[in-house]
Amino acid sequence: MLSLARLACRVPDEVDDGPVFRVVLQLLDAYDEATRLEPENRRRLTFLVMAITAARTPDVPVPPA
């Protein structure tokens, strides 16, 4: 499912919600890294919750990088 989410976030730069898609990808990357480092730490799921929240509320601006 995460692979499908990644594919869905790969959009051209001119898409209006492009910044949201980039943030979601960054959060998925952070989740993967946290899982690699500490697979038993449930706090790594925070990155998924944040990614879901960003994806569900694209009208809310994302913080600058």
Protein backbone atom coordinates (compact mmCIF):
# COMPACT_ATOMS: atom_id res chain seq x y z
CA MET A 1 0.00 0.00 0.00
CA LEU A 2 2.83 2.39 0.75
CA SER A 3 4.29 1.73 -2.69
CA LEU A 4 0.95 2.66 -4.23
CA ALA A 5 0.84 5.84 -2.13
CA ARG A 6 4.31 6.72 -3.37
CA LEU A 7 3.25 6.22 -6.98
CA ALA A 8 0.19 8.39 -6.45
CA CYS A 9 2.38 11.18 -5.08
CA ARG A 10 4.67 11.28 -8.11
CA VAL A 11 3.03 14.16 -9.94
CA PRO A 12 4.38 16.89 -12.23
CA ASP A 13 5.64 20.06 -10.54
CA GLU A 14 2.89 22.15 -12.10
CA VAL A 15 0.13 20.31 -10.18
CA ASP A 16 -1.54 22.70 -7.69
CA ASP A 17 -1.13 20.34 -4.74
CA GLY A 18 2.46 19.46 -5.64
CA PRO A 19 3.86 20.70 -2.31
CA VAL A 20 1.45 18.43 -0.44
CA PHE A 21 2.52 15.42 -2.49
CA ARG A 22 6.19 16.21 -1.82
CA VAL A 23 5.54 16.43 1.93
CA VAL A 24 3.71 13.11 1.89
CA LEU A 25 6.69 11.52 0.11
CA GLN A 26 9.09 13.00 2.66
CA LEU A 27 6.99 11.62 5.51
CA LEU A 28 6.88 8.17 3.89
CA ASP A 29 10.66 8.31 3.54
CA ALA A 30 10.96 9.26 7.21
CA TYR A 31 8.73 6.32 8.15
CA ASP A 32 10.89 3.94 6.11
CA GLU A 33 14.05 5.26 7.76
CA ALA A 34 12.56 5.04 11.26
CA THR A 35 11.38 1.49 10.53
CA ARG A 36 14.84 0.53 9.33
CA LEU A 37 16.51 1.97 12.44
CA GLU A 38 13.98 0.90 15.09
CA PRO A 39 11.43 -1.57 13.71
CA GLU A 40 9.88 -2.23 17.13
CA ASN A 41 9.37 1.45 18.01
CA ARG A 42 5.70 2.29 17.51
CA ARG A 43 6.46 6.02 17.43
CA ARG A 44 7.59 5.53 13.83
CA LEU A 45 3.89 5.32 12.95
CA THR A 46 3.65 9.04 13.66
CA PHE A 47 5.09 9.67 10.20
CA LEU A 48 2.27 7.67 8.61
CA VAL A 49 -0.38 9.52 10.62
CA MET A 50 1.12 12.84 9.55
CA ALA A 51 1.24 11.71 5.90
CA ILE A 52 -2.42 10.65 6.04
CA THR A 53 -3.37 13.97 7.62
CA ALA A 54 -1.52 15.96 4.95
CA ALA A 55 -3.12 13.89 2.19
CA ARG A 56 -6.62 14.32 3.62
CA THR A 57 -6.31 18.10 4.09
CA PRO A 58 -4.61 19.42 0.93
CA ASP A 59 -6.19 22.87 1.33
CA VAL A 60 -4.20 23.51 4.49
CA PRO A 61 -0.78 24.90 3.57
CA VAL A 62 2.23 22.76 4.41
CA PRO A 63 5.12 24.38 6.28
CA PRO A 64 8.03 25.61 4.19
CA ALA A 65 10.84 23.10 3.71
